[in-house]
Every structure is written in structure tokens, then in C-alpha cells.
């Protein structure tokens, strides 16, 4: 039985779903190399259980770990105010964020494609407060599954880059409508327009992995312009990946403050829909 439980799993993923293994490599690698900065032992366990050539993604980088650490902090802060809130995790892959932020009361809704849900169920433990919904994040029925009655936080880490700008706008508007006037916070990240254009031409990593097309890229100004087209959405913060934790890259942190240079690297986005007074 023990040998069966520890058997390595070969993921049956291609295209965009396959990219969920990319951030897992970052989170697991950083948990081993720099545990004092980011500690995700469950990611390390998953990494060791999956039979896959992770070297295709190149060397371990810090970026997905930075994104996870930053969004963990946002969710924890929100749960301090709304401990029984629903967290809707759009396209979260095999993220272990539920277990990193679990306060014993949060209600978690993972919205993922069916093949990813299948892999999650092979790897991750169950919880009566964790629901896995096999649905595209852009499905118009998404709002039917959202329950904002005790608070709502929506996270879309590593998702929007694979959508079009119109898809992103419509999804944000759908969230705004489904929240039913409840104060709602949103986290997502935006790829730089330069990398987006590179992916559309065929972005091949050093070890031969060809990244999927990533149509949506936006500068910080572009993110704020997009938010203005979504009724009620306010942008709270748009730190660059390189400046979210300045102590990790002081040079890039300084460059990120230069108006022209600071507008183009990938960006972390914290936004919110304020409560509506009826």
C-alpha cells in the first residue's frame, strides 16, 4: 500500500495545462534553496511524486515563489477580516495555496480544466472546505458557483497571460457582477507586452521547451487602463515582480522606480471591488 501511494505519476498534460508544472518547479526549488524566504513543503513533495522532465523549463527561478508569497499575504490579510470568505482560485493548477493559508474556516473553490482536476485528485489531499470545479475560468456560468455571502477573494495567478484582453475584461466584469455588492479583492499578474509578443512569435526556452501563446500582456499603466473599463474595479497596487521584495534584487528594485523602465517588467496586481451600499 505504501509503495502504491508513493508511486510516481506521469502527468497527461499538453499546451497551456502543461504550464502548471512550471511554477511548481519554482515553488519547490525555492523551498529547498531558500526556505527562509519561501517554504512550501507540499510543493517539494509534489515535485518528487511527478514523473516529468522539469529541466525543460530551465533552471529554478524565484518568480513563481515571489508571486505565491505575495498573494498568500493578500489572502491572509483578507481572511483576517472575513475568516469564512470564499476564495475562488482561477486556473490554479496544482497550487498548494489552500494549505498555506488555511485558517480552518476559509471556503476554497478551485476552477480548473478537467484534465488538471484529474491530476489534482491524484496528488492533493481532500478537504470538506475545498471544492474542485472542472470548468474553464472564462465560462459564462462561473458566477453561478460564486458565493460572496461571507466575503470573496479571487485569485488568478499565472492565468490572464493565456487569455485575450477582452477575455480578461469580461472575466473581471463577471466577478464584479457575481459579488452581489460584497467587498471583493482580486489578485492577478500581468506579463510584459514584450514577452507576450515573444510568445506569439514562438518562445523557445534554452532546453527546447516551447511556451504556449500568451496573448495578454500589459504594463502597469495598461493594467490601470484596463481596470477603468471594469465597473467598480479599483487598482490598489501594481508592484513589479522585481520590486515586491526589494531586498532580493536591489538593482532591479531601483530600476523599477524609473517611470519608463518600471512600466515594462511583469507585474503583480492587487485590485478590489468596494462594498456597495444598498
C-alpha atoms as a PDB file:
ATOM      1  CA  UNK A   1       0.000   0.000   0.000  1.00  0.00           C
ATOM      2  CA  UNK A   2       2.790   2.416   0.911  1.00  0.00           C
ATOM      3  CA  UNK A   3       4.611   1.707  -2.358  1.00  0.00           C
ATOM      4  CA  UNK A   4       1.382   2.321  -4.265  1.00  0.00           C
ATOM      5  CA  UNK A   5       0.821   5.650  -2.518  1.00  0.00           C
ATOM      6  CA  UNK A   6       4.335   6.790  -3.315  1.00  0.00           C
ATOM      7  CA  UNK A   7       4.256   5.723  -6.972  1.00  0.00           C
ATOM      8  CA  UNK A   8       5.355   8.490  -9.287  1.00  0.00           C
ATOM      9  CA  UNK A   9       2.661   9.955 -11.508  1.00  0.00           C
ATOM     10  CA  UNK A  10       3.129  10.815 -15.170  1.00  0.00           C
ATOM     11  CA  UNK A  11       1.021  13.911 -15.932  1.00  0.00           C
ATOM     12  CA  UNK A  12      -1.103  13.698 -19.081  1.00  0.00           C
ATOM     13  CA  UNK A  13      -0.896  17.384 -19.955  1.00  0.00           C
ATOM     14  CA  UNK A  14      -0.099  19.407 -23.046  1.00  0.00           C
ATOM     15  CA  UNK A  15      -0.358  23.034 -24.130  1.00  0.00           C
ATOM     16  CA  UNK A  16      -1.446  25.555 -21.502  1.00  0.00           C
ATOM     17  CA  UNK A  17      -2.345  22.919 -18.846  1.00  0.00           C
ATOM     18  CA  UNK A  18       1.240  21.622 -19.004  1.00  0.00           C
ATOM     19  CA  UNK A  19       2.497  25.034 -17.848  1.00  0.00           C
ATOM     20  CA  UNK A  20       1.166  24.327 -14.329  1.00  0.00           C
ATOM     21  CA  UNK A  21       4.354  22.311 -13.813  1.00  0.00           C
ATOM     22  CA  UNK A  22       6.495  25.404 -14.436  1.00  0.00           C
ATOM     23  CA  UNK A  23       5.532  27.321 -11.260  1.00  0.00           C
ATOM     24  CA  UNK A  24       5.612  24.081  -9.268  1.00  0.00           C
ATOM     25  CA  UNK A  25       9.315  23.806 -10.146  1.00  0.00           C
ATOM     26  CA  UNK A  26       9.876  27.350  -8.886  1.00  0.00           C
ATOM     27  CA  UNK A  27       7.966  26.878  -5.617  1.00  0.00           C
ATOM     28  CA  UNK A  28       9.582  23.533  -4.863  1.00  0.00           C
ATOM     29  CA  UNK A  29      13.043  24.703  -5.874  1.00  0.00           C
ATOM     30  CA  UNK A  30      12.881  27.866  -3.807  1.00  0.00           C
ATOM     31  CA  UNK A  31      11.579  25.876  -0.841  1.00  0.00           C
ATOM     32  CA  UNK A  32      14.758  23.818  -0.988  1.00  0.00           C
ATOM     33  CA  UNK A  33      17.244  26.532  -1.976  1.00  0.00           C
ATOM     34  CA  UNK A  34      15.857  29.478   0.026  1.00  0.00           C
ATOM     35  CA  UNK A  35      13.484  28.094   2.604  1.00  0.00           C
ATOM     36  CA  UNK A  36      13.833  31.184   4.796  1.00  0.00           C
ATOM     37  CA  UNK A  37      12.208  33.227   2.007  1.00  0.00           C
ATOM     38  CA  UNK A  38       9.564  30.788   0.800  1.00  0.00           C
ATOM     39  CA  UNK A  39       8.600  27.499   2.424  1.00  0.00           C
ATOM     40  CA  UNK A  40       6.210  25.155   0.646  1.00  0.00           C
ATOM     41  CA  UNK A  41       6.998  21.569   1.719  1.00  0.00           C
ATOM     42  CA  UNK A  42       3.905  20.266  -0.060  1.00  0.00           C
ATOM     43  CA  UNK A  43       5.259  21.627  -3.367  1.00  0.00           C
ATOM     44  CA  UNK A  44       8.502  19.729  -2.759  1.00  0.00           C
ATOM     45  CA  UNK A  45       6.520  16.548  -2.135  1.00  0.00           C
ATOM     46  CA  UNK A  46       4.519  17.025  -5.349  1.00  0.00           C
ATOM     47  CA  UNK A  47       7.665  17.726  -7.333  1.00  0.00           C
ATOM     48  CA  UNK A  48       9.147  14.444  -6.162  1.00  0.00           C
ATOM     49  CA  UNK A  49       5.982  12.486  -6.920  1.00  0.00           C
ATOM     50  CA  UNK A  50       5.616  13.681 -10.517  1.00  0.00           C
ATOM     51  CA  UNK A  51       7.484  11.834 -13.240  1.00  0.00           C
ATOM     52  CA  UNK A  52       8.335  14.673 -15.602  1.00  0.00           C
ATOM     53  CA  UNK A  53      11.413  16.304 -17.124  1.00  0.00           C
ATOM     54  CA  UNK A  54      11.240  19.589 -15.207  1.00  0.00           C
ATOM     55  CA  UNK A  55      14.607  20.595 -16.687  1.00  0.00           C
ATOM     56  CA  UNK A  56      12.673  21.547 -19.833  1.00  0.00           C
ATOM     57  CA  UNK A  57      11.778  24.792 -18.071  1.00  0.00           C
ATOM     58  CA  UNK A  58      15.411  25.698 -17.482  1.00  0.00           C
ATOM     59  CA  UNK A  59      16.983  26.495 -14.104  1.00  0.00           C
ATOM     60  CA  UNK A  60      14.934  27.183 -10.981  1.00  0.00           C
ATOM     61  CA  UNK A  61      13.831  30.819 -10.810  1.00  0.00           C
ATOM     62  CA  UNK A  62      12.273  32.817  -7.991  1.00  0.00           C
ATOM     63  CA  UNK A  63       9.347  34.365  -9.868  1.00  0.00           C
ATOM     64  CA  UNK A  64       6.512  31.928  -9.121  1.00  0.00           C
ATOM     65  CA  UNK A  65       7.619  31.777  -5.486  1.00  0.00           C
ATOM     66  CA  UNK A  66       7.502  35.575  -5.289  1.00  0.00           C
ATOM     67  CA  UNK A  67       4.019  35.558  -6.802  1.00  0.00           C
ATOM     68  CA  UNK A  68       2.859  32.890  -4.347  1.00  0.00           C
ATOM     69  CA  UNK A  69       4.343  34.645  -1.325  1.00  0.00           C
ATOM     70  CA  UNK A  70       2.805  37.985  -2.313  1.00  0.00           C
ATOM     71  CA  UNK A  71      -0.665  36.559  -2.961  1.00  0.00           C
ATOM     72  CA  UNK A  72      -0.508  34.463   0.243  1.00  0.00           C
ATOM     73  CA  UNK A  73      -0.059  37.695   2.191  1.00  0.00           C
ATOM     74  CA  UNK A  74      -3.022  39.353   0.447  1.00  0.00           C
ATOM     75  CA  UNK A  75      -5.304  36.391   1.126  1.00  0.00           C
ATOM     76  CA  UNK A  76      -4.212  36.131   4.758  1.00  0.00           C
ATOM     77  CA  UNK A  77      -4.934  39.819   5.282  1.00  0.00           C
ATOM     78  CA  UNK A  78      -8.384  39.445   3.733  1.00  0.00           C
ATOM     79  CA  UNK A  79      -9.152  36.345   5.809  1.00  0.00           C
ATOM     80  CA  UNK A  80      -8.279  38.255   8.966  1.00  0.00           C
ATOM     81  CA  UNK A  81     -11.320  40.414   8.177  1.00  0.00           C
ATOM     82  CA  UNK A  82     -13.518  37.770   6.536  1.00  0.00           C
ATOM     83  CA  UNK A  83     -12.415  34.414   8.013  1.00  0.00           C
ATOM     84  CA  UNK A  84     -15.144  32.402   6.278  1.00  0.00           C
ATOM     85  CA  UNK A  85     -14.743  34.041   2.894  1.00  0.00           C
ATOM     86  CA  UNK A  86     -14.811  32.097  -0.320  1.00  0.00           C
ATOM     87  CA  UNK A  87     -11.517  32.140  -2.190  1.00  0.00           C
ATOM     88  CA  UNK A  88     -12.047  31.476  -5.884  1.00  0.00           C
ATOM     89  CA  UNK A  89      -8.786  30.247  -7.405  1.00  0.00           C
ATOM     90  CA  UNK A  90      -8.992  30.506 -11.173  1.00  0.00           C
ATOM     91  CA  UNK A  91      -6.671  28.271 -13.162  1.00  0.00           C
ATOM     92  CA  UNK A  92      -4.596  27.437 -10.096  1.00  0.00           C
ATOM     93  CA  UNK A  93      -3.092  24.230 -11.484  1.00  0.00           C
ATOM     94  CA  UNK A  94      -1.613  22.180  -8.652  1.00  0.00           C
ATOM     95  CA  UNK A  95      -1.078  25.159  -6.391  1.00  0.00           C
ATOM     96  CA  UNK A  96      -0.893  24.352  -2.683  1.00  0.00           C
ATOM     97  CA  UNK A  97      -2.100  27.774  -1.586  1.00  0.00           C
ATOM     98  CA  UNK A  98      -5.175  26.451   0.202  1.00  0.00           C
ATOM     99  CA  UNK A  99      -2.945  24.590   2.657  1.00  0.00           C
ATOM    100  CA  UNK A 100      -0.535  27.526   3.052  1.00  0.00           C
ATOM    101  CA  UNK A 101      -3.253  29.999   4.055  1.00  0.00           C
ATOM    102  CA  UNK A 102      -5.879  27.704   5.578  1.00  0.00           C
ATOM    103  CA  UNK A 103      -7.313  29.235   8.749  1.00  0.00           C
ATOM    104  CA  UNK A 104      -9.678  26.343   9.384  1.00  0.00           C
ATOM    105  CA  UNK A 105     -12.699  28.311   8.138  1.00  0.00           C
ATOM    106  CA  UNK A 106     -11.984  29.538   4.609  1.00  0.00           C
ATOM    107  CA  UNK A 107     -14.048  28.058   1.756  1.00  0.00           C
ATOM    108  CA  UNK A 108     -11.976  27.364  -1.347  1.00  0.00           C
ATOM    109  CA  UNK A 109     -13.200  26.951  -4.920  1.00  0.00           C
ATOM    110  CA  UNK A 110     -10.617  25.703  -7.418  1.00  0.00           C
ATOM    111  CA  UNK A 111     -11.730  26.384 -11.003  1.00  0.00           C
ATOM    112  CA  UNK A 112      -9.698  24.330 -13.445  1.00  0.00           C
ATOM    113  CA  UNK A 113      -9.871  22.343 -16.667  1.00  0.00           C
ATOM    114  CA  UNK A 114     -10.955  18.689 -16.311  1.00  0.00           C
ATOM    115  CA  UNK A 115      -7.508  17.223 -17.056  1.00  0.00           C
ATOM    116  CA  UNK A 116      -5.965  19.366 -14.334  1.00  0.00           C
ATOM    117  CA  UNK A 117      -8.659  18.390 -11.836  1.00  0.00           C
ATOM    118  CA  UNK A 118      -7.833  14.736 -12.599  1.00  0.00           C
ATOM    119  CA  UNK A 119      -4.159  15.335 -11.775  1.00  0.00           C
ATOM    120  CA  UNK A 120      -5.006  17.287  -8.623  1.00  0.00           C
ATOM    121  CA  UNK A 121      -7.118  14.397  -7.342  1.00  0.00           C
ATOM    122  CA  UNK A 122      -4.181  12.033  -7.829  1.00  0.00           C
ATOM    123  CA  UNK A 123      -1.810  14.270  -5.887  1.00  0.00           C
ATOM    124  CA  UNK A 124      -3.563  16.503  -3.380  1.00  0.00           C
ATOM    125  CA  UNK A 125      -5.492  15.662  -0.198  1.00  0.00           C
ATOM    126  CA  UNK A 126      -9.202  16.295   0.124  1.00  0.00           C
ATOM    127  CA  UNK A 127     -10.898  18.838   2.378  1.00  0.00           C
ATOM    128  CA  UNK A 128     -14.572  19.480   3.044  1.00  0.00           C
ATOM    129  CA  UNK A 129     -13.844  23.181   2.526  1.00  0.00           C
ATOM    130  CA  UNK A 130     -12.153  22.691  -0.845  1.00  0.00           C
ATOM    131  CA  UNK A 131     -14.285  22.274  -3.958  1.00  0.00           C
ATOM    132  CA  UNK A 132     -12.803  21.492  -7.353  1.00  0.00           C
ATOM    133  CA  UNK A 133     -14.875  22.716 -10.278  1.00  0.00           C
ATOM    134  CA  UNK A 134     -13.972  21.333 -13.737  1.00  0.00           C
ATOM    135  CA  UNK A 135     -14.743  24.478 -15.700  1.00  0.00           C
ATOM    136  CA  UNK A 136     -12.895  26.995 -17.829  1.00  0.00           C
ATOM    137  CA  UNK A 137     -12.332  30.255 -15.979  1.00  0.00           C
ATOM    138  CA  UNK A 138     -13.880  32.072 -18.945  1.00  0.00           C
ATOM    139  CA  UNK A 139     -17.087  30.040 -18.871  1.00  0.00           C
ATOM    140  CA  UNK A 140     -20.048  32.445 -18.604  1.00  0.00           C
ATOM    141  CA  UNK A 141     -21.625  30.271 -15.883  1.00  0.00           C
ATOM    142  CA  UNK A 142     -18.722  30.894 -13.472  1.00  0.00           C
ATOM    143  CA  UNK A 143     -20.797  33.337 -11.425  1.00  0.00           C
ATOM    144  CA  UNK A 144     -23.310  30.594 -10.623  1.00  0.00           C
ATOM    145  CA  UNK A 145     -20.652  28.925  -8.458  1.00  0.00           C
ATOM    146  CA  UNK A 146     -19.510  32.022  -6.568  1.00  0.00           C
ATOM    147  CA  UNK A 147     -20.828  32.589  -3.032  1.00  0.00           C
ATOM    148  CA  UNK A 148     -19.858  36.053  -1.780  1.00  0.00           C
ATOM    149  CA  UNK A 149     -22.119  35.980   1.279  1.00  0.00           C
ATOM    150  CA  UNK A 150     -19.242  35.806   3.780  1.00  0.00           C
ATOM    151  CA  UNK A 151     -16.598  37.557   1.713  1.00  0.00           C
ATOM    152  CA  UNK A 152     -14.949  36.926  -1.632  1.00  0.00           C
ATOM    153  CA  UNK A 153     -11.338  36.874  -2.767  1.00  0.00           C
ATOM    154  CA  UNK A 154     -10.498  35.908  -6.350  1.00  0.00           C
ATOM    155  CA  UNK A 155      -7.018  34.877  -7.390  1.00  0.00           C
ATOM    156  CA  UNK A 156      -5.906  34.275 -10.970  1.00  0.00           C
ATOM    157  CA  UNK A 157      -2.167  33.757 -10.615  1.00  0.00           C
ATOM    158  CA  UNK A 158      -0.493  32.855 -13.887  1.00  0.00           C
ATOM    159  CA  UNK A 159      -3.776  32.759 -15.821  1.00  0.00           C
ATOM    160  CA  UNK A 160      -4.508  36.036 -17.582  1.00  0.00           C
ATOM    161  CA  UNK A 161      -1.462  35.849 -19.864  1.00  0.00           C
ATOM    162  CA  UNK A 162      -3.114  32.939 -21.693  1.00  0.00           C
ATOM    163  CA  UNK A 163      -6.296  34.930 -22.366  1.00  0.00           C
ATOM    164  CA  UNK A 164      -7.036  37.841 -24.657  1.00  0.00           C
ATOM    165  CA  UNK A 165      -7.502  41.313 -23.227  1.00  0.00           C
ATOM    166  CA  UNK A 166     -11.221  41.091 -23.966  1.00  0.00           C
ATOM    167  CA  UNK A 167     -11.404  37.740 -22.137  1.00  0.00           C
ATOM    168  CA  UNK A 168      -9.702  39.326 -19.115  1.00  0.00           C
ATOM    169  CA  UNK A 169     -12.067  42.299 -19.143  1.00  0.00           C
ATOM    170  CA  UNK A 170     -15.157  40.108 -19.410  1.00  0.00           C
ATOM    171  CA  UNK A 171     -13.932  37.820 -16.625  1.00  0.00           C
ATOM    172  CA  UNK A 172     -13.315  40.751 -14.285  1.00  0.00           C
ATOM    173  CA  UNK A 173     -16.740  42.150 -15.109  1.00  0.00           C
ATOM    174  CA  UNK A 174     -18.287  38.749 -14.404  1.00  0.00           C
ATOM    175  CA  UNK A 175     -16.620  38.729 -10.977  1.00  0.00           C
ATOM    176  CA  UNK A 176     -17.925  42.236 -10.328  1.00  0.00           C
ATOM    177  CA  UNK A 177     -21.451  41.121 -11.116  1.00  0.00           C
ATOM    178  CA  UNK A 178     -21.271  37.876  -9.111  1.00  0.00           C
ATOM    179  CA  UNK A 179     -20.006  39.527  -5.914  1.00  0.00           C
ATOM    180  CA  UNK A 180     -23.507  40.870  -5.183  1.00  0.00           C
ATOM    181  CA  UNK A 181     -22.193  44.117  -3.706  1.00  0.00           C
ATOM    182  CA  UNK A 182     -19.782  42.380  -1.302  1.00  0.00           C
ATOM    183  CA  UNK A 183     -16.349  43.885  -0.810  1.00  0.00           C
ATOM    184  CA  UNK A 184     -14.171  41.715  -3.014  1.00  0.00           C
ATOM    185  CA  UNK A 185     -10.438  41.588  -3.596  1.00  0.00           C
ATOM    186  CA  UNK A 186      -8.700  40.291  -6.702  1.00  0.00           C
ATOM    187  CA  UNK A 187      -5.137  39.202  -7.372  1.00  0.00           C
ATOM    188  CA  UNK A 188      -3.606  38.521 -10.767  1.00  0.00           C
ATOM    189  CA  UNK A 189      -0.359  39.100 -12.598  1.00  0.00           C
ATOM    190  CA  UNK A 190       0.382  40.660 -15.967  1.00  0.00           C
ATOM    191  CA  UNK A 191       3.121  39.583 -18.331  1.00  0.00           C
ATOM    192  CA  UNK A 192       5.124  42.322 -20.007  1.00  0.00           C
ATOM    193  CA  UNK A 193       3.994  43.197 -23.539  1.00  0.00           C
ATOM    194  CA  UNK A 194       7.489  42.341 -24.779  1.00  0.00           C
ATOM    195  CA  UNK A 195       7.290  38.750 -23.505  1.00  0.00           C
ATOM    196  CA  UNK A 196       3.739  38.444 -24.787  1.00  0.00           C
ATOM    197  CA  UNK A 197       4.875  39.409 -28.286  1.00  0.00           C
ATOM    198  CA  UNK A 198       7.795  36.995 -27.994  1.00  0.00           C
ATOM    199  CA  UNK A 199       5.441  34.125 -27.156  1.00  0.00           C
ATOM    200  CA  UNK A 200       3.259  34.885 -30.168  1.00  0.00           C
ATOM    201  CA  UNK A 201       6.300  34.503 -32.414  1.00  0.00           C
ATOM    202  CA  UNK A 202       7.363  31.252 -30.728  1.00  0.00           C
ATOM    203  CA  UNK A 203       9.198  31.468 -27.418  1.00  0.00           C
ATOM    204  CA  UNK A 204      11.631  28.575 -27.055  1.00  0.00           C
ATOM    205  CA  UNK A 205      13.441  28.146 -23.749  1.00  0.00           C
ATOM    206  CA  UNK A 206      17.082  27.122 -23.603  1.00  0.00           C
ATOM    207  CA  UNK A 207      16.248  23.429 -23.150  1.00  0.00           C
ATOM    208  CA  UNK A 208      13.884  23.305 -26.106  1.00  0.00           C
ATOM    209  CA  UNK A 209      10.539  23.795 -24.340  1.00  0.00           C
ATOM    210  CA  UNK A 210       8.228  25.932 -26.478  1.00  0.00           C
ATOM    211  CA  UNK A 211       5.964  28.101 -24.346  1.00  0.00           C
ATOM    212  CA  UNK A 212       2.288  28.378 -25.369  1.00  0.00           C
ATOM    213  CA  UNK A 213       0.982  31.594 -26.881  1.00  0.00           C
ATOM    214  CA  UNK A 214       0.387  34.292 -24.278  1.00  0.00           C
ATOM    215  CA  UNK A 215      -1.825  36.918 -25.923  1.00  0.00           C
ATOM    216  CA  UNK A 216      -2.328  39.219 -22.936  1.00  0.00           C
ATOM    217  CA  UNK A 217       0.479  41.443 -21.785  1.00  0.00           C
ATOM    218  CA  UNK A 218       0.177  44.797 -20.051  1.00  0.00           C
ATOM    219  CA  UNK A 219       2.325  47.438 -18.423  1.00  0.00           C
ATOM    220  CA  UNK A 220       1.295  48.910 -15.083  1.00  0.00           C
ATOM    221  CA  UNK A 221      -0.330  51.781 -16.949  1.00  0.00           C
ATOM    222  CA  UNK A 222      -2.054  49.246 -19.165  1.00  0.00           C
ATOM    223  CA  UNK A 223      -3.419  47.401 -16.128  1.00  0.00           C
ATOM    224  CA  UNK A 224      -4.867  50.611 -14.706  1.00  0.00           C
ATOM    225  CA  UNK A 225      -6.403  51.499 -18.059  1.00  0.00           C
ATOM    226  CA  UNK A 226      -7.982  48.044 -18.237  1.00  0.00           C
ATOM    227  CA  UNK A 227      -9.359  48.393 -14.699  1.00  0.00           C
ATOM    228  CA  UNK A 228     -11.077  51.647 -15.625  1.00  0.00           C
ATOM    229  CA  UNK A 229     -13.128  49.727 -18.194  1.00  0.00           C
ATOM    230  CA  UNK A 230     -14.443  47.367 -15.487  1.00  0.00           C
ATOM    231  CA  UNK A 231     -17.238  48.999 -13.445  1.00  0.00           C
ATOM    232  CA  UNK A 232     -16.329  49.337  -9.770  1.00  0.00           C
ATOM    233  CA  UNK A 233     -12.814  47.872 -10.007  1.00  0.00           C
ATOM    234  CA  UNK A 234     -10.069  49.811  -8.242  1.00  0.00           C
ATOM    235  CA  UNK A 235      -6.363  49.001  -8.509  1.00  0.00           C
ATOM    236  CA  UNK A 236      -4.732  49.024  -5.086  1.00  0.00           C
ATOM    237  CA  UNK A 237      -1.138  48.174  -6.016  1.00  0.00           C
ATOM    238  CA  UNK A 238       0.941  47.093  -9.010  1.00  0.00           C
ATOM    239  CA  UNK A 239       4.392  46.141  -7.738  1.00  0.00           C
ATOM    240  CA  UNK A 240       6.783  44.637 -10.212  1.00  0.00           C
ATOM    241  CA  UNK A 241       7.923  41.101  -9.519  1.00  0.00           C
ATOM    242  CA  UNK A 242      11.428  42.511  -9.125  1.00  0.00           C
ATOM    243  CA  UNK A 243      10.371  45.117  -6.553  1.00  0.00           C
ATOM    244  CA  UNK A 244       7.768  43.238  -4.497  1.00  0.00           C
ATOM    245  CA  UNK A 245      10.602  42.183  -2.186  1.00  0.00           C
ATOM    246  CA  UNK A 246      13.334  44.817  -2.729  1.00  0.00           C
ATOM    247  CA  UNK A 247      15.883  43.003  -0.598  1.00  0.00           C
ATOM    248  CA  UNK A 248      16.013  40.223  -3.197  1.00  0.00           C
ATOM    249  CA  UNK A 249      17.096  42.445  -6.072  1.00  0.00           C
ATOM    250  CA  UNK A 250      18.064  45.952  -5.049  1.00  0.00           C
ATOM    251  CA  UNK A 251      19.230  46.975  -8.530  1.00  0.00           C
ATOM    252  CA  UNK A 252      16.008  45.885 -10.222  1.00  0.00           C
ATOM    253  CA  UNK A 253      14.009  47.448  -7.413  1.00  0.00           C
ATOM    254  CA  UNK A 254      15.648  50.813  -8.073  1.00  0.00           C
ATOM    255  CA  UNK A 255      15.188  50.482 -11.834  1.00  0.00           C
ATOM    256  CA  UNK A 256      11.525  49.662 -11.243  1.00  0.00           C
ATOM    257  CA  UNK A 257      11.031  53.165  -9.863  1.00  0.00           C
ATOM    258  CA  UNK A 258      12.200  54.768 -13.108  1.00  0.00           C
ATOM    259  CA  UNK A 259       8.946  55.705 -14.919  1.00  0.00           C
ATOM    260  CA  UNK A 260       9.879  54.327 -18.358  1.00  0.00           C
ATOM    261  CA  UNK A 261      11.838  51.265 -17.266  1.00  0.00           C
ATOM    262  CA  UNK A 262       9.485  50.438 -14.427  1.00  0.00           C
ATOM    263  CA  UNK A 263       6.478  50.104 -16.694  1.00  0.00           C
ATOM    264  CA  UNK A 264       7.576  47.062 -18.641  1.00  0.00           C
ATOM    265  CA  UNK A 265       8.674  44.092 -16.454  1.00  0.00           C
ATOM    266  CA  UNK A 266       5.985  41.589 -15.335  1.00  0.00           C
ATOM    267  CA  UNK A 267       3.626  42.989 -12.724  1.00  0.00           C
ATOM    268  CA  UNK A 268       1.717  41.740  -9.685  1.00  0.00           C
ATOM    269  CA  UNK A 269      -1.745  43.260  -9.376  1.00  0.00           C
ATOM    270  CA  UNK A 270      -3.880  43.753  -6.263  1.00  0.00           C
ATOM    271  CA  UNK A 271      -7.331  45.172  -7.019  1.00  0.00           C
ATOM    272  CA  UNK A 272     -10.668  45.379  -5.276  1.00  0.00           C
ATOM    273  CA  UNK A 273     -14.350  45.984  -5.740  1.00  0.00           C
ATOM    274  CA  UNK A 274     -15.534  48.143  -2.803  1.00  0.00           C
ATOM    275  CA  UNK A 275     -18.693  47.195  -0.967  1.00  0.00           C
ATOM    276  CA  UNK A 276     -21.881  48.601  -2.447  1.00  0.00           C
ATOM    277  CA  UNK A 277     -24.204  50.383  -0.045  1.00  0.00           C
ATOM    278  CA  UNK A 278     -27.774  49.458  -0.900  1.00  0.00           C
END
